[in-house]
Amino acid sequence: MSMPGGFTTVRLVTEEVKKICLKVKPEIEKMIPVNCKDYIPVFYKTQVVAGTNYLVKVDVCQEDKEEDKCVHAMIFQALPCDGGDLSVTGVQFPKLLTDPLVPF
């Protein structure tokens, strides 16, 4: 259980969160200095505000490196009554798969 206004615990990505991540993929790719060989959402947390904040760990394997790199992306989804639009409000890169998801 999460604290009111706080983030939930880390969860495995659901189909709904995968769809959200795919919709904002071009925006995330513009914010990081590498080509995404893969783009695999792995874990996420949510925070209910006047909409929903999604903090998602996305595995973006790089072609030139053996080590997996991840992006931590903060994605905001407006309420349905406000259009339900998605926007990327920030990214942290590079991150490792083992790095914890910490709100930023």
PDB file of N, CA and C in Angstrom:
ATOM      1  N   MET A   1       0.845  -1.179   0.000  1.00  0.00           N
ATOM      2  CA  MET A   1       0.000   0.000   0.000  1.00  0.00           C
ATOM      3  C   MET A   1       0.892   1.244   0.000  1.00  0.00           C
ATOM      4  N   SER A   2       0.474   2.272  -0.707  1.00  0.00           N
ATOM      5  CA  SER A   2       1.276   3.489  -0.781  1.00  0.00           C
ATOM      6  C   SER A   2       0.683   4.580   0.105  1.00  0.00           C
ATOM      7  N   MET A   3       1.529   5.541   0.408  1.00  0.00           N
ATOM      8  CA  MET A   3       1.115   6.696   1.188  1.00  0.00           C
ATOM      9  C   MET A   3       0.285   7.609   0.290  1.00  0.00           C
ATOM     10  N   PRO A   4      -0.773   8.260   0.801  1.00  0.00           N
ATOM     11  CA  PRO A   4      -1.550   9.169  -0.040  1.00  0.00           C
ATOM     12  C   PRO A   4      -0.639  10.195  -0.728  1.00  0.00           C
ATOM     13  N   GLY A   5      -0.777  10.290  -2.035  1.00  0.00           N
ATOM     14  CA  GLY A   5       0.050  11.214  -2.810  1.00  0.00           C
ATOM     15  C   GLY A   5       1.421  10.661  -3.137  1.00  0.00           C
ATOM     16  N   GLY A   6       1.769   9.509  -2.575  1.00  0.00           N
ATOM     17  CA  GLY A   6       3.075   8.899  -2.817  1.00  0.00           C
ATOM     18  C   GLY A   6       3.012   7.892  -3.950  1.00  0.00           C
ATOM     19  N   PHE A   7       4.178   7.364  -4.283  1.00  0.00           N
ATOM     20  CA  PHE A   7       4.264   6.350  -5.331  1.00  0.00           C
ATOM     21  C   PHE A   7       3.955   4.970  -4.764  1.00  0.00           C
ATOM     22  N   THR A   8       3.421   4.106  -5.608  1.00  0.00           N
ATOM     23  CA  THR A   8       3.187   2.712  -5.239  1.00  0.00           C
ATOM     24  C   THR A   8       4.531   1.999  -5.144  1.00  0.00           C
ATOM     25  N   THR A   9       4.490   0.754  -4.726  1.00  0.00           N
ATOM     26  CA  THR A   9       5.688  -0.082  -4.759  1.00  0.00           C
ATOM     27  C   THR A   9       5.989  -0.443  -6.218  1.00  0.00           C
ATOM     28  N   VAL A  10       7.174  -0.924  -6.466  1.00  0.00           N
ATOM     29  CA  VAL A  10       7.576  -1.323  -7.824  1.00  0.00           C
ATOM     30  C   VAL A  10       6.781  -2.554  -8.246  1.00  0.00           C
ATOM     31  N   ARG A  11       6.325  -2.513  -9.494  1.00  0.00           N
ATOM     32  CA  ARG A  11       5.533  -3.623 -10.051  1.00  0.00           C
ATOM     33  C   ARG A  11       6.085  -4.005 -11.411  1.00  0.00           C
ATOM     34  N   LEU A  12       5.800  -5.242 -11.833  1.00  0.00           N
ATOM     35  CA  LEU A  12       6.123  -5.645 -13.202  1.00  0.00           C
ATOM     36  C   LEU A  12       5.183  -4.913 -14.148  1.00  0.00           C
ATOM     37  N   VAL A  13       5.688  -4.551 -15.297  1.00  0.00           N
ATOM     38  CA  VAL A  13       4.902  -3.787 -16.269  1.00  0.00           C
ATOM     39  C   VAL A  13       3.704  -4.595 -16.752  1.00  0.00           C
ATOM     40  N   THR A  14       2.572  -3.917 -16.859  1.00  0.00           N
ATOM     41  CA  THR A  14       1.338  -4.516 -17.374  1.00  0.00           C
ATOM     42  C   THR A  14       1.197  -4.160 -18.861  1.00  0.00           C
ATOM     43  N   GLU A  15       0.247  -4.777 -19.526  1.00  0.00           N
ATOM     44  CA  GLU A  15      -0.008  -4.457 -20.939  1.00  0.00           C
ATOM     45  C   GLU A  15      -0.392  -2.985 -21.100  1.00  0.00           C
ATOM     46  N   GLU A  16      -1.169  -2.456 -20.157  1.00  0.00           N
ATOM     47  CA  GLU A  16      -1.574  -1.052 -20.222  1.00  0.00           C
ATOM     48  C   GLU A  16      -0.358  -0.121 -20.153  1.00  0.00           C
ATOM     49  N   VAL A  17       0.567  -0.414 -19.254  1.00  0.00           N
ATOM     50  CA  VAL A  17       1.764   0.419 -19.122  1.00  0.00           C
ATOM     51  C   VAL A  17       2.664   0.263 -20.349  1.00  0.00           C
ATOM     52  N   LYS A  18       2.749  -0.950 -20.919  1.00  0.00           N
ATOM     53  CA  LYS A  18       3.518  -1.146 -22.157  1.00  0.00           C
ATOM     54  C   LYS A  18       2.972  -0.256 -23.266  1.00  0.00           C
ATOM     55  N   LYS A  19       1.651  -0.197 -23.398  1.00  0.00           N
ATOM     56  CA  LYS A  19       1.030   0.638 -24.430  1.00  0.00           C
ATOM     57  C   LYS A  19       1.357   2.110 -24.215  1.00  0.00           C
ATOM     58  N   ILE A  20       1.324   2.563 -22.972  1.00  0.00           N
ATOM     59  CA  ILE A  20       1.657   3.946 -22.650  1.00  0.00           C
ATOM     60  C   ILE A  20       3.103   4.230 -23.053  1.00  0.00           C
ATOM     61  N   CYS A  21       4.009   3.316 -22.698  1.00  0.00           N
ATOM     62  CA  CYS A  21       5.426   3.500 -23.027  1.00  0.00           C
ATOM     63  C   CYS A  21       5.664   3.533 -24.534  1.00  0.00           C
ATOM     64  N   LEU A  22       4.971   2.701 -25.265  1.00  0.00           N
ATOM     65  CA  LEU A  22       5.132   2.688 -26.726  1.00  0.00           C
ATOM     66  C   LEU A  22       4.633   3.984 -27.355  1.00  0.00           C
ATOM     67  N   LYS A  23       3.574   4.552 -26.796  1.00  0.00           N
ATOM     68  CA  LYS A  23       3.051   5.813 -27.331  1.00  0.00           C
ATOM     69  C   LYS A  23       4.042   6.958 -27.177  1.00  0.00           C
ATOM     70  N   VAL A  24       4.838   6.936 -26.099  1.00  0.00           N
ATOM     71  CA  VAL A  24       5.785   8.035 -25.855  1.00  0.00           C
ATOM     72  C   VAL A  24       7.215   7.674 -26.259  1.00  0.00           C
ATOM     73  N   LYS A  25       7.409   6.525 -26.888  1.00  0.00           N
ATOM     74  CA  LYS A  25       8.754   6.082 -27.290  1.00  0.00           C
ATOM     75  C   LYS A  25       9.504   7.132 -28.108  1.00  0.00           C
ATOM     76  N   PRO A  26       8.899   7.726 -29.139  1.00  0.00           N
ATOM     77  CA  PRO A  26       9.642   8.733 -29.918  1.00  0.00           C
ATOM     78  C   PRO A  26      10.117   9.911 -29.072  1.00  0.00           C
ATOM     79  N   GLU A  27       9.294  10.324 -28.119  1.00  0.00           N
ATOM     80  CA  GLU A  27       9.655  11.436 -27.237  1.00  0.00           C
ATOM     81  C   GLU A  27      10.843  11.057 -26.342  1.00  0.00           C
ATOM     82  N   ILE A  28      10.820   9.831 -25.799  1.00  0.00           N
ATOM     83  CA  ILE A  28      11.921   9.361 -24.955  1.00  0.00           C
ATOM     84  C   ILE A  28      13.199   9.235 -25.770  1.00  0.00           C
ATOM     85  N   GLU A  29      13.097   8.675 -26.973  1.00  0.00           N
ATOM     86  CA  GLU A  29      14.288   8.498 -27.821  1.00  0.00           C
ATOM     87  C   GLU A  29      14.959   9.832 -28.144  1.00  0.00           C
ATOM     88  N   LYS A  30      14.191  10.878 -28.266  1.00  0.00           N
ATOM     89  CA  LYS A  30      14.762  12.206 -28.531  1.00  0.00           C
ATOM     90  C   LYS A  30      15.518  12.752 -27.318  1.00  0.00           C
ATOM     91  N   MET A  31      15.217  12.230 -26.136  1.00  0.00           N
ATOM     92  CA  MET A  31      15.789  12.762 -24.898  1.00  0.00           C
ATOM     93  C   MET A  31      17.056  12.027 -24.444  1.00  0.00           C
ATOM     94  N   ILE A  32      17.408  10.920 -25.128  1.00  0.00           N
ATOM     95  CA  ILE A  32      18.606  10.176 -24.738  1.00  0.00           C
ATOM     96  C   ILE A  32      19.576  10.116 -25.915  1.00  0.00           C
ATOM     97  N   PRO A  33      20.890  10.065 -25.640  1.00  0.00           N
ATOM     98  CA  PRO A  33      21.897  10.173 -26.697  1.00  0.00           C
ATOM     99  C   PRO A  33      22.297   8.856 -27.356  1.00  0.00           C
ATOM    100  N   VAL A  34      21.406   7.874 -27.412  1.00  0.00           N
ATOM    101  CA  VAL A  34      21.740   6.588 -28.022  1.00  0.00           C
ATOM    102  C   VAL A  34      20.589   6.117 -28.894  1.00  0.00           C
ATOM    103  N   ASN A  35      20.917   5.200 -29.791  1.00  0.00           N
ATOM    104  CA  ASN A  35      19.882   4.525 -30.565  1.00  0.00           C
ATOM    105  C   ASN A  35      19.376   3.354 -29.748  1.00  0.00           C
ATOM    106  N   CYS A  36      18.076   3.225 -29.648  1.00  0.00           N
ATOM    107  CA  CYS A  36      17.488   2.131 -28.877  1.00  0.00           C
ATOM    108  C   CYS A  36      17.420   0.876 -29.730  1.00  0.00           C
ATOM    109  N   LYS A  37      18.311  -0.076 -29.439  1.00  0.00           N
ATOM    110  CA  LYS A  37      18.254  -1.357 -30.147  1.00  0.00           C
ATOM    111  C   LYS A  37      16.976  -2.081 -29.742  1.00  0.00           C
ATOM    112  N   ASP A  38      16.713  -2.057 -28.457  1.00  0.00           N
ATOM    113  CA  ASP A  38      15.486  -2.621 -27.906  1.00  0.00           C
ATOM    114  C   ASP A  38      14.796  -1.531 -27.098  1.00  0.00           C
ATOM    115  N   TYR A  39      13.557  -1.754 -26.785  1.00  0.00           N
ATOM    116  CA  TYR A  39      12.781  -0.803 -25.980  1.00  0.00           C
ATOM    117  C   TYR A  39      11.769  -1.641 -25.220  1.00  0.00           C
ATOM    118  N   ILE A  40      12.196  -2.088 -24.033  1.00  0.00           N
ATOM    119  CA  ILE A  40      11.397  -3.047 -23.282  1.00  0.00           C
ATOM    120  C   ILE A  40      11.059  -2.482 -21.902  1.00  0.00           C
ATOM    121  N   PRO A  41       9.840  -2.006 -21.697  1.00  0.00           N
ATOM    122  CA  PRO A  41       9.429  -1.580 -20.359  1.00  0.00           C
ATOM    123  C   PRO A  41       9.465  -2.781 -19.409  1.00  0.00           C
ATOM    124  N   VAL A  42      10.055  -2.590 -18.222  1.00  0.00           N
ATOM    125  CA  VAL A  42      10.265  -3.711 -17.306  1.00  0.00           C
ATOM    126  C   VAL A  42       9.494  -3.538 -15.996  1.00  0.00           C
ATOM    127  N   PHE A  43       9.748  -2.432 -15.301  1.00  0.00           N
ATOM    128  CA  PHE A  43       9.129  -2.168 -14.007  1.00  0.00           C
ATOM    129  C   PHE A  43       8.511  -0.781 -14.003  1.00  0.00           C
ATOM    130  N   TYR A  44       7.576  -0.554 -13.067  1.00  0.00           N
ATOM    131  CA  TYR A  44       6.978   0.783 -12.957  1.00  0.00           C
ATOM    132  C   TYR A  44       6.424   1.018 -11.565  1.00  0.00           C
ATOM    133  N   LYS A  45       6.212   2.296 -11.282  1.00  0.00           N
ATOM    134  CA  LYS A  45       5.508   2.770 -10.092  1.00  0.00           C
ATOM    135  C   LYS A  45       4.513   3.808 -10.583  1.00  0.00           C
ATOM    136  N   THR A  46       3.443   4.028  -9.835  1.00  0.00           N
ATOM    137  CA  THR A  46       2.506   5.089 -10.185  1.00  0.00           C
ATOM    138  C   THR A  46       2.265   6.000  -8.994  1.00  0.00           C
ATOM    139  N   GLN A  47       1.822   7.211  -9.330  1.00  0.00           N
ATOM    140  CA  GLN A  47       1.432   8.198  -8.329  1.00  0.00           C
ATOM    141  C   GLN A  47       0.180   8.883  -8.860  1.00  0.00           C
ATOM    142  N   VAL A  48      -0.887   8.850  -8.065  1.00  0.00           N
ATOM    143  CA  VAL A  48      -2.120   9.518  -8.473  1.00  0.00           C
ATOM    144  C   VAL A  48      -2.037  10.969  -8.016  1.00  0.00           C
ATOM    145  N   VAL A  49      -2.170  11.864  -8.996  1.00  0.00           N
ATOM    146  CA  VAL A  49      -2.192  13.310  -8.748  1.00  0.00           C
ATOM    147  C   VAL A  49      -3.425  13.810  -9.488  1.00  0.00           C
ATOM    148  N   ALA A  50      -3.384  14.955 -10.117  1.00  0.00           N
ATOM    149  CA  ALA A  50      -4.487  15.392 -10.982  1.00  0.00           C
ATOM    150  C   ALA A  50      -4.261  14.721 -12.338  1.00  0.00           C
ATOM    151  N   GLY A  51      -4.271  13.397 -12.308  1.00  0.00           N
ATOM    152  CA  GLY A  51      -3.878  12.531 -13.405  1.00  0.00           C
ATOM    153  C   GLY A  51      -3.026  11.440 -12.777  1.00  0.00           C
ATOM    154  N   THR A  52      -2.156  10.823 -13.573  1.00  0.00           N
ATOM    155  CA  THR A  52      -1.288   9.770 -13.046  1.00  0.00           C
ATOM    156  C   THR A  52       0.134   9.969 -13.532  1.00  0.00           C
ATOM    157  N   ASN A  53       1.082   9.899 -12.606  1.00  0.00           N
ATOM    158  CA  ASN A  53       2.495   9.858 -12.953  1.00  0.00           C
ATOM    159  C   ASN A  53       2.913   8.396 -13.004  1.00  0.00           C
ATOM    160  N   TYR A  54       3.592   8.024 -14.081  1.00  0.00           N
ATOM    161  CA  TYR A  54       4.170   6.698 -14.222  1.00  0.00           C
ATOM    162  C   TYR A  54       5.680   6.862 -14.211  1.00  0.00           C
ATOM    163  N   LEU A  55       6.363   6.173 -13.327  1.00  0.00           N
ATOM    164  CA  LEU A  55       7.811   6.127 -13.313  1.00  0.00           C
ATOM    165  C   LEU A  55       8.167   4.730 -13.813  1.00  0.00           C
ATOM    166  N   VAL A  56       8.778   4.675 -15.009  1.00  0.00           N
ATOM    167  CA  VAL A  56       8.968   3.396 -15.688  1.00  0.00           C
ATOM    168  C   VAL A  56      10.444   3.162 -15.986  1.00  0.00           C
ATOM    169  N   LYS A  57      10.878   1.924 -15.740  1.00  0.00           N
ATOM    170  CA  LYS A  57      12.228   1.500 -16.126  1.00  0.00           C
ATOM    171  C   LYS A  57      12.101   0.804 -17.476  1.00  0.00           C
ATOM    172  N   VAL A  58      12.804   1.348 -18.492  1.00  0.00           N
ATOM    173  CA  VAL A  58      12.751   0.799 -19.841  1.00  0.00           C
ATOM    174  C   VAL A  58      14.147   0.321 -20.221  1.00  0.00           C
ATOM    175  N   ASP A  59      14.265  -0.947 -20.574  1.00  0.00           N
ATOM    176  CA  ASP A  59      15.532  -1.519 -21.017  1.00  0.00           C
ATOM    177  C   ASP A  59      15.758  -1.101 -22.474  1.00  0.00           C
ATOM    178  N   VAL A  60      16.850  -0.384 -22.721  1.00  0.00           N
ATOM    179  CA  VAL A  60      17.188   0.069 -24.083  1.00  0.00           C
ATOM    180  C   VAL A  60      18.585  -0.440 -24.425  1.00  0.00           C
ATOM    181  N   CYS A  61      18.679  -1.722 -24.729  1.00  0.00           N
ATOM    182  CA  CYS A  61      19.970  -2.330 -25.044  1.00  0.00           C
ATOM    183  C   CYS A  61      20.644  -1.534 -26.158  1.00  0.00           C
ATOM    184  N   GLN A  62      21.915  -1.274 -25.979  1.00  0.00           N
ATOM    185  CA  GLN A  62      22.658  -0.522 -26.983  1.00  0.00           C
ATOM    186  C   GLN A  62      23.406  -1.481 -27.892  1.00  0.00           C
ATOM    187  N   GLU A  63      23.460  -1.154 -29.163  1.00  0.00           N
ATOM    188  CA  GLU A  63      24.124  -2.005 -30.142  1.00  0.00           C
ATOM    189  C   GLU A  63      25.618  -2.135 -29.885  1.00  0.00           C
ATOM    190  N   ASP A  64      26.281  -1.071 -29.420  1.00  0.00           N
ATOM    191  CA  ASP A  64      27.733  -1.055 -29.290  1.00  0.00           C
ATOM    192  C   ASP A  64      28.229  -1.562 -27.945  1.00  0.00           C
ATOM    193  N   LYS A  65      27.367  -1.878 -27.026  1.00  0.00           N
ATOM    194  CA  LYS A  65      27.788  -2.267 -25.674  1.00  0.00           C
ATOM    195  C   LYS A  65      27.191  -3.622 -25.316  1.00  0.00           C
ATOM    196  N   GLU A  66      27.931  -4.367 -24.525  1.00  0.00           N
ATOM    197  CA  GLU A  66      27.406  -5.640 -24.045  1.00  0.00           C
ATOM    198  C   GLU A  66      26.494  -5.440 -22.836  1.00  0.00           C
ATOM    199  N   GLU A  67      26.729  -4.384 -22.090  1.00  0.00           N
ATOM    200  CA  GLU A  67      25.988  -4.124 -20.864  1.00  0.00           C
ATOM    201  C   GLU A  67      24.634  -3.488 -21.182  1.00  0.00           C
ATOM    202  N   ASP A  68      23.594  -4.011 -20.540  1.00  0.00           N
ATOM    203  CA  ASP A  68      22.272  -3.420 -20.732  1.00  0.00           C
ATOM    204  C   ASP A  68      22.211  -2.054 -20.066  1.00  0.00           C
ATOM    205  N   LYS A  69      21.583  -1.131 -20.737  1.00  0.00           N
ATOM    206  CA  LYS A  69      21.343   0.200 -20.186  1.00  0.00           C
ATOM    207  C   LYS A  69      19.841   0.408 -20.135  1.00  0.00           C
ATOM    208  N   CYS A  70      19.421   1.176 -19.149  1.00  0.00           N
ATOM    209  CA  CYS A  70      18.006   1.468 -18.987  1.00  0.00           C
ATOM    210  C   CYS A  70      17.783   2.972 -18.924  1.00  0.00           C
ATOM    211  N   VAL A  71      16.563   3.342 -19.203  1.00  0.00           N
ATOM    212  CA  VAL A  71      16.084   4.702 -19.036  1.00  0.00           C
ATOM    213  C   VAL A  71      15.038   4.655 -17.934  1.00  0.00           C
ATOM    214  N   HIS A  72      15.095   5.615 -17.038  1.00  0.00           N
ATOM    215  CA  HIS A  72      14.007   5.819 -16.093  1.00  0.00           C
ATOM    216  C   HIS A  72      13.216   6.992 -16.643  1.00  0.00           C
ATOM    217  N   ALA A  73      11.971   6.752 -16.985  1.00  0.00           N
ATOM    218  CA  ALA A  73      11.138   7.785 -17.606  1.00  0.00           C
ATOM    219  C   ALA A  73       9.964   8.135 -16.706  1.00  0.00           C
ATOM    220  N   MET A  74       9.731   9.432 -16.553  1.00  0.00           N
ATOM    221  CA  MET A  74       8.562   9.920 -15.821  1.00  0.00           C
ATOM    222  C   MET A  74       7.542  10.344 -16.875  1.00  0.00           C
ATOM    223  N   ILE A  75       6.410   9.682 -16.873  1.00  0.00           N
ATOM    224  CA  ILE A  75       5.359   9.917 -17.866  1.00  0.00           C
ATOM    225  C   ILE A  75       4.101  10.370 -17.126  1.00  0.00           C
ATOM    226  N   PHE A  76       3.529  11.462 -17.579  1.00  0.00           N
ATOM    227  CA  PHE A  76       2.291  11.969 -16.972  1.00  0.00           C
ATOM    228  C   PHE A  76       1.128  11.697 -17.904  1.00  0.00           C
ATOM    229  N   GLN A  77       0.046  11.155 -17.349  1.00  0.00           N
ATOM    230  CA  GLN A  77      -1.192  10.974 -18.100  1.00  0.00           C
ATOM    231  C   GLN A  77      -2.273  11.818 -17.452  1.00  0.00           C
ATOM    232  N   ALA A  78      -2.789  12.769 -18.230  1.00  0.00           N
ATOM    233  CA  ALA A  78      -3.855  13.636 -17.737  1.00  0.00           C
ATOM    234  C   ALA A  78      -5.127  12.827 -17.507  1.00  0.00           C
ATOM    235  N   LEU A  79      -6.004  13.373 -16.707  1.00  0.00           N
ATOM    236  CA  LEU A  79      -7.291  12.735 -16.458  1.00  0.00           C
ATOM    237  C   LEU A  79      -8.098  12.655 -17.750  1.00  0.00           C
ATOM    238  N   PRO A  80      -8.976  11.645 -17.879  1.00  0.00           N
ATOM    239  CA  PRO A  80      -9.810  11.543 -19.076  1.00  0.00           C
ATOM    240  C   PRO A  80     -10.614  12.813 -19.356  1.00  0.00           C
ATOM    241  N   CYS A  81     -11.101  13.466 -18.310  1.00  0.00           N
ATOM    242  CA  CYS A  81     -11.887  14.692 -18.514  1.00  0.00           C
ATOM    243  C   CYS A  81     -11.014  15.841 -19.050  1.00  0.00           C
ATOM    244  N   ASP A  82      -9.687  15.696 -18.931  1.00  0.00           N
ATOM    245  CA  ASP A  82      -8.749  16.694 -19.464  1.00  0.00           C
ATOM    246  C   ASP A  82      -8.091  16.210 -20.751  1.00  0.00           C
ATOM    247  N   GLY A  83      -8.639  15.169 -21.344  1.00  0.00           N
ATOM    248  CA  GLY A  83      -8.128  14.665 -22.616  1.00  0.00           C
ATOM    249  C   GLY A  83      -7.287  13.410 -22.514  1.00  0.00           C
ATOM    250  N   GLY A  84      -6.790  13.067 -21.324  1.00  0.00           N
ATOM    251  CA  GLY A  84      -6.010  11.844 -21.154  1.00  0.00           C
ATOM    252  C   GLY A  84      -4.664  11.844 -21.851  1.00  0.00           C
ATOM    253  N   ASP A  85      -4.169  13.036 -22.250  1.00  0.00           N
ATOM    254  CA  ASP A  85      -2.911  13.122 -22.985  1.00  0.00           C
ATOM    255  C   ASP A  85      -1.735  12.613 -22.172  1.00  0.00           C
ATOM    256  N   LEU A  86      -0.734  12.086 -22.887  1.00  0.00           N
ATOM    257  CA  LEU A  86       0.496  11.598 -22.280  1.00  0.00           C
ATOM    258  C   LEU A  86       1.633  12.559 -22.579  1.00  0.00           C
ATOM    259  N   SER A  87       2.529  12.750 -21.603  1.00  0.00           N
ATOM    260  CA  SER A  87       3.724  13.552 -21.853  1.00  0.00           C
ATOM    261  C   SER A  87       4.863  13.017 -20.988  1.00  0.00           C
ATOM    262  N   VAL A  88       6.073  13.079 -21.538  1.00  0.00           N
ATOM    263  CA  VAL A  88       7.258  12.674 -20.798  1.00  0.00           C
ATOM    264  C   VAL A  88       7.758  13.909 -20.061  1.00  0.00           C
ATOM    265  N   THR A  89       7.782  13.847 -18.750  1.00  0.00           N
ATOM    266  CA  THR A  89       8.184  15.015 -17.966  1.00  0.00           C
ATOM    267  C   THR A  89       9.644  14.957 -17.546  1.00  0.00           C
ATOM    268  N   GLY A  90      10.307  13.821 -17.782  1.00  0.00           N
ATOM    269  CA  GLY A  90      11.726  13.721 -17.483  1.00  0.00           C
ATOM    270  C   GLY A  90      12.248  12.327 -17.728  1.00  0.00           C
ATOM    271  N   VAL A  91      13.571  12.234 -17.966  1.00  0.00           N
ATOM    272  CA  VAL A  91      14.229  10.941 -18.103  1.00  0.00           C
ATOM    273  C   VAL A  91      15.551  10.984 -17.351  1.00  0.00           C
ATOM    274  N   GLN A  92      15.983   9.827 -16.900  1.00  0.00           N
ATOM    275  CA  GLN A  92      17.312   9.660 -16.338  1.00  0.00           C
ATOM    276  C   GLN A  92      17.997   8.566 -17.140  1.00  0.00           C
ATOM    277  N   PHE A  93      19.200   8.881 -17.646  1.00  0.00           N
ATOM    278  CA  PHE A  93      19.948   7.941 -18.473  1.00  0.00           C
ATOM    279  C   PHE A  93      21.420   8.264 -18.339  1.00  0.00           C
ATOM    280  N   PRO A  94      22.294   7.280 -18.259  1.00  0.00           N
ATOM    281  CA  PRO A  94      22.033   5.841 -18.261  1.00  0.00           C
ATOM    282  C   PRO A  94      21.755   5.324 -16.862  1.00  0.00           C
ATOM    283  N   LYS A  95      20.987   4.288 -16.818  1.00  0.00           N
ATOM    284  CA  LYS A  95      20.689   3.555 -15.591  1.00  0.00           C
ATOM    285  C   LYS A  95      20.926   2.076 -15.870  1.00  0.00           C
ATOM    286  N   LEU A  96      21.214   1.322 -14.825  1.00  0.00           N
ATOM    287  CA  LEU A  96      21.363  -0.119 -14.959  1.00  0.00           C
ATOM    288  C   LEU A  96      20.062  -0.809 -14.584  1.00  0.00           C
ATOM    289  N   LEU A  97      19.904  -2.026 -15.030  1.00  0.00           N
ATOM    290  CA  LEU A  97      18.695  -2.785 -14.710  1.00  0.00           C
ATOM    291  C   LEU A  97      18.541  -2.942 -13.202  1.00  0.00           C
ATOM    292  N   THR A  98      19.650  -2.959 -12.483  1.00  0.00           N
ATOM    293  CA  THR A  98      19.619  -3.155 -11.026  1.00  0.00           C
ATOM    294  C   THR A  98      19.393  -1.848 -10.250  1.00  0.00           C
ATOM    295  N   ASP A  99      19.446  -0.703 -10.912  1.00  0.00           N
ATOM    296  CA  ASP A  99      19.227   0.576 -10.220  1.00  0.00           C
ATOM    297  C   ASP A  99      17.775   0.683  -9.764  1.00  0.00           C
ATOM    298  N   PRO A 100      17.539   1.157  -8.532  1.00  0.00           N
ATOM    299  CA  PRO A 100      16.164   1.282  -8.040  1.00  0.00           C
ATOM    300  C   PRO A 100      15.420   2.424  -8.745  1.00  0.00           C
ATOM    301  N   LEU A 101      14.115   2.289  -8.844  1.00  0.00           N
ATOM    302  CA  LEU A 101      13.270   3.341  -9.398  1.00  0.00           C
ATOM    303  C   LEU A 101      13.003   4.348  -8.293  1.00  0.00           C
ATOM    304  N   VAL A 102      13.621   5.520  -8.423  1.00  0.00           N
ATOM    305  CA  VAL A 102      13.492   6.558  -7.404  1.00  0.00           C
ATOM    306  C   VAL A 102      12.864   7.781  -8.056  1.00  0.00           C
ATOM    307  N   PRO A 103      11.750   8.290  -7.538  1.00  0.00           N
ATOM    308  CA  PRO A 103      11.127   9.476  -8.128  1.00  0.00           C
ATOM    309  C   PRO A 103      12.117  10.636  -8.246  1.00  0.00           C
ATOM    310  N   PHE A 104      11.999  11.355  -9.340  1.00  0.00           N
ATOM    311  CA  PHE A 104      12.869  12.519  -9.573  1.00  0.00           C
ATOM    312  C   PHE A 104      12.063  13.681 -10.092  1.00  0.00           C
TER     313      PHE A 104
END
